Amino acid sequence: MLEPAPISAIDPHTARGTLVELHEPASGDAGSVTLSFPNLQYRTHLVLVGGAEHLRGRVGKRVEGRVRGSARRVDVVPGGGRFVDPVWGRPRRVQGRVVSIDAGSNSITVHAGLPIELKLTDARQRAAEFAEGDLVSCDVLRGATFEPSAGERGGAGARAGGEAVVGEAAGGEGPVGEAGDGR
């Protein structure tokens, strides 16, 4: 159970975490963030989308957004839990349940302790081949991103606390992932 428990419905595509570090963009670099997630030991490093100016002064505070990455090959697996590997660093391997499918962009959103939108890069695979609820596992290519929600960027109409998106992220139900089938 999340602590503190959310009082509003959680969008299955929105990652909610704490901004641990903000790395300002250098010449030719987009900048990056390190995020932690409630009830997890993860410290996930992601490329920042949308500029660092909106997150300055937010270190140690909750942020929301989307995490996105590119998957090598996605396999349906018979069992296991939800996790992002490694616990500290950029996401390299993700396992979790498919929560949505976008055939138009050939991507799936996987709940691996946090929601991660994965673009399928294997030309032999299509998002429509997967079903919501499938337990999947894949390698994540370098360059996963976090895109803060409109509230984090100062946009109108966002929920309190804002949202953020991460391109490459990992998570699980605990330090070593969730036991059982991940549901």
Protein backbone atom coordinates (compact mmCIF):
# COMPACT_ATOMS: atom_id res chain seq x y z
CA MET A 1 0.00 0.00 0.00
CA LEU A 2 1.23 3.47 -0.79
CA GLU A 3 2.09 5.58 2.21
CA PRO A 4 0.61 8.10 2.41
CA ALA A 5 -2.37 6.70 0.57
CA PRO A 6 -3.50 8.83 -2.38
CA ILE A 7 -6.85 10.56 -1.98
CA SER A 8 -7.56 10.80 -5.71
CA ALA A 9 -7.54 8.26 -8.51
CA ILE A 10 -4.08 7.67 -9.94
CA ASP A 11 -3.67 7.92 -13.71
CA PRO A 12 -2.06 4.60 -14.69
CA HIS A 13 0.37 6.48 -16.93
CA THR A 14 1.60 8.99 -14.34
CA ALA A 15 4.66 8.26 -12.23
CA ARG A 16 4.66 9.83 -8.77
CA GLY A 17 8.00 10.13 -7.04
CA THR A 18 10.41 12.34 -5.13
CA LEU A 19 13.01 14.42 -6.94
CA VAL A 20 16.30 13.31 -5.35
CA GLU A 21 18.71 15.14 -7.69
CA LEU A 22 18.42 17.60 -10.55
CA HIS A 23 21.36 17.73 -12.95
CA GLU A 24 21.33 20.97 -14.92
CA PRO A 25 21.85 20.72 -18.68
CA ALA A 26 25.43 21.15 -19.89
CA SER A 27 26.42 22.12 -23.41
CA GLY A 28 24.65 19.72 -25.74
CA ASP A 29 23.15 17.80 -22.79
CA ALA A 30 19.44 17.71 -21.93
CA GLY A 31 19.97 17.45 -18.19
CA SER A 32 18.76 14.61 -16.01
CA VAL A 33 16.93 13.75 -12.80
CA THR A 34 17.23 11.09 -10.13
CA LEU A 35 13.87 10.00 -8.74
CA SER A 36 12.83 7.81 -5.84
CA PHE A 37 9.41 6.26 -5.46
CA PRO A 38 7.15 5.65 -2.42
CA ASN A 39 7.86 2.41 -0.55
CA LEU A 40 10.76 1.49 -2.87
CA GLN A 41 14.53 1.60 -2.52
CA TYR A 42 15.00 2.65 -6.16
CA ARG A 43 17.00 5.67 -7.29
CA THR A 44 16.20 5.94 -10.99
CA HIS A 45 18.28 8.15 -13.28
CA LEU A 46 16.41 9.60 -16.29
CA VAL A 47 17.00 12.13 -19.03
CA LEU A 48 14.93 15.24 -18.38
CA VAL A 49 12.46 16.36 -21.06
CA GLY A 50 11.23 19.96 -21.02
CA GLY A 51 14.05 21.77 -19.25
CA ALA A 52 15.27 21.98 -15.67
CA GLU A 53 13.94 25.46 -14.90
CA HIS A 54 10.56 24.11 -13.82
CA LEU A 55 12.08 21.71 -11.29
CA ARG A 56 14.58 24.05 -9.63
CA GLY A 57 13.86 24.27 -5.93
CA ARG A 58 11.87 21.01 -5.99
CA VAL A 59 14.64 18.67 -4.78
CA GLY A 60 13.23 16.57 -1.94
CA LYS A 61 9.65 17.24 -3.05
CA ARG A 62 7.13 15.10 -4.86
CA VAL A 63 6.90 15.35 -8.63
CA GLU A 64 4.66 13.69 -11.16
CA GLY A 65 5.10 12.96 -14.82
CA ARG A 66 5.64 10.31 -17.44
CA VAL A 67 8.54 7.94 -17.76
CA ARG A 68 9.33 6.78 -21.28
CA GLY A 69 11.88 4.44 -22.73
CA SER A 70 12.65 2.22 -25.69
CA ALA A 71 12.45 -1.55 -25.30
CA ARG A 72 14.70 -3.94 -27.20
CA ARG A 73 12.47 -6.98 -27.39
CA VAL A 74 9.49 -7.51 -25.11
CA ASP A 75 8.72 -11.06 -24.01
CA VAL A 76 5.62 -12.36 -22.23
CA VAL A 77 6.86 -14.29 -19.20
CA PRO A 78 5.02 -16.98 -17.22
CA GLY A 79 5.68 -15.64 -13.74
CA GLY A 80 7.66 -13.34 -11.51
CA GLY A 81 7.15 -9.92 -10.02
CA ARG A 82 7.40 -6.27 -10.98
CA PHE A 83 10.82 -4.67 -10.95
CA VAL A 84 13.28 -2.31 -12.57
CA ASP A 85 16.90 -3.33 -12.67
CA PRO A 86 19.25 -2.03 -11.36
CA VAL A 87 17.92 -0.56 -8.12
CA TRP A 88 20.23 2.48 -8.49
CA GLY A 89 20.98 3.96 -11.92
CA ARG A 90 19.38 4.13 -15.31
CA PRO A 91 16.78 1.46 -16.08
CA ARG A 92 18.29 -1.44 -17.97
CA ARG A 93 15.70 -4.19 -17.45
CA VAL A 94 11.98 -3.90 -16.66
CA GLN A 95 9.36 -6.49 -15.77
CA GLY A 96 5.72 -5.84 -15.00
CA ARG A 97 2.10 -5.92 -16.14
CA VAL A 98 0.87 -4.21 -19.32
CA VAL A 99 -1.63 -1.51 -18.28
CA SER A 100 -2.25 0.03 -21.71
CA ILE A 101 -1.47 -0.40 -25.38
CA ASP A 102 -1.02 2.32 -28.02
CA ALA A 103 -0.97 0.66 -31.42
CA GLY A 104 -0.59 4.04 -33.17
CA SER A 105 2.77 4.77 -31.53
CA ASN A 106 3.67 1.05 -31.21
CA SER A 107 4.13 1.38 -27.46
CA ILE A 108 2.91 -0.27 -24.27
CA THR A 109 2.73 1.08 -20.73
CA VAL A 110 4.06 -1.35 -18.14
CA HIS A 111 3.53 -1.13 -14.37
CA ALA A 112 6.92 -2.19 -12.97
CA GLY A 113 6.45 -0.54 -9.58
CA LEU A 114 5.93 2.70 -11.51
CA PRO A 115 4.35 3.17 -14.94
CA ILE A 116 6.81 3.16 -17.85
CA GLU A 117 5.78 3.77 -21.45
CA LEU A 118 7.92 1.55 -23.66
CA LYS A 119 8.32 2.11 -27.40
CA LEU A 120 8.83 -1.23 -29.15
CA THR A 121 12.01 -1.11 -31.27
CA ASP A 122 12.11 -4.71 -32.53
CA ALA A 123 10.71 -4.54 -36.08
CA ARG A 124 9.11 -7.97 -35.59
CA GLN A 125 6.89 -6.79 -32.71
CA ARG A 126 3.71 -4.73 -32.64
CA ALA A 127 2.00 -3.32 -29.55
CA ALA A 128 -1.31 -4.86 -30.67
CA GLU A 129 0.23 -8.32 -30.09
CA PHE A 130 0.11 -7.71 -26.34
CA ALA A 131 -2.91 -7.64 -24.04
CA GLU A 132 -3.60 -5.62 -20.91
CA GLY A 133 -2.59 -7.74 -17.94
CA ASP A 134 0.24 -9.59 -19.74
CA LEU A 135 3.33 -9.99 -17.57
CA VAL A 136 6.22 -8.82 -19.76
CA SER A 137 9.96 -8.43 -19.43
CA CYS A 138 12.44 -6.49 -21.57
CA ASP A 139 15.76 -4.67 -21.78
CA VAL A 140 15.54 -0.87 -21.89
CA LEU A 141 17.81 1.09 -24.21
CA ARG A 142 19.92 3.99 -22.90
CA GLY A 143 18.09 7.33 -22.86
CA ALA A 144 14.92 6.71 -20.84
CA THR A 145 13.22 10.02 -20.06
CA PHE A 146 11.15 11.79 -17.47
CA GLU A 147 8.72 14.48 -18.63
CA PRO A 148 7.20 16.53 -15.81
CA SER A 149 3.44 16.97 -15.94
CA ALA A 150 1.84 20.28 -16.81
CA GLY A 151 1.64 21.21 -13.11
CA GLU A 152 5.42 20.82 -12.72
CA ARG A 153 5.91 22.99 -15.81
CA GLY A 154 3.54 25.65 -14.50
CA GLY A 155 0.68 24.78 -16.87
CA ALA A 156 -2.97 25.35 -16.06
CA GLY A 157 -5.41 22.61 -15.18
CA ALA A 158 -2.94 20.18 -13.63
CA ARG A 159 -3.57 18.45 -10.35
CA ALA A 160 -1.92 19.73 -7.21
CA GLY A 161 1.63 18.45 -7.00
CA GLY A 162 1.99 18.34 -10.77
CA GLU A 163 2.98 15.44 -12.95
CA ALA A 164 6.22 14.37 -14.52
CA VAL A 165 7.18 11.89 -17.18
CA VAL A 166 10.24 9.76 -17.17
CA GLY A 167 11.56 8.06 -20.22
CA GLU A 168 13.71 5.45 -18.60
CA ALA A 169 12.70 4.33 -15.17
CA ALA A 170 12.47 1.35 -12.94
CA GLY A 171 10.63 0.28 -9.87
CA GLY A 172 9.10 -2.61 -8.03
CA GLU A 173 7.04 -3.44 -5.02
CA GLY A 174 10.07 -3.38 -2.75
CA PRO A 175 13.83 -3.63 -2.71
CA VAL A 176 13.80 -6.94 -4.57
CA GLY A 177 10.49 -6.67 -6.43
CA GLU A 178 7.08 -8.14 -5.69
CA ALA A 179 6.70 -11.81 -4.99
CA GLY A 180 4.13 -13.80 -6.91
CA ASP A 181 2.63 -12.87 -10.21
CA GLY A 182 2.92 -9.07 -9.88
CA ARG A 183 -0.80 -8.33 -9.72
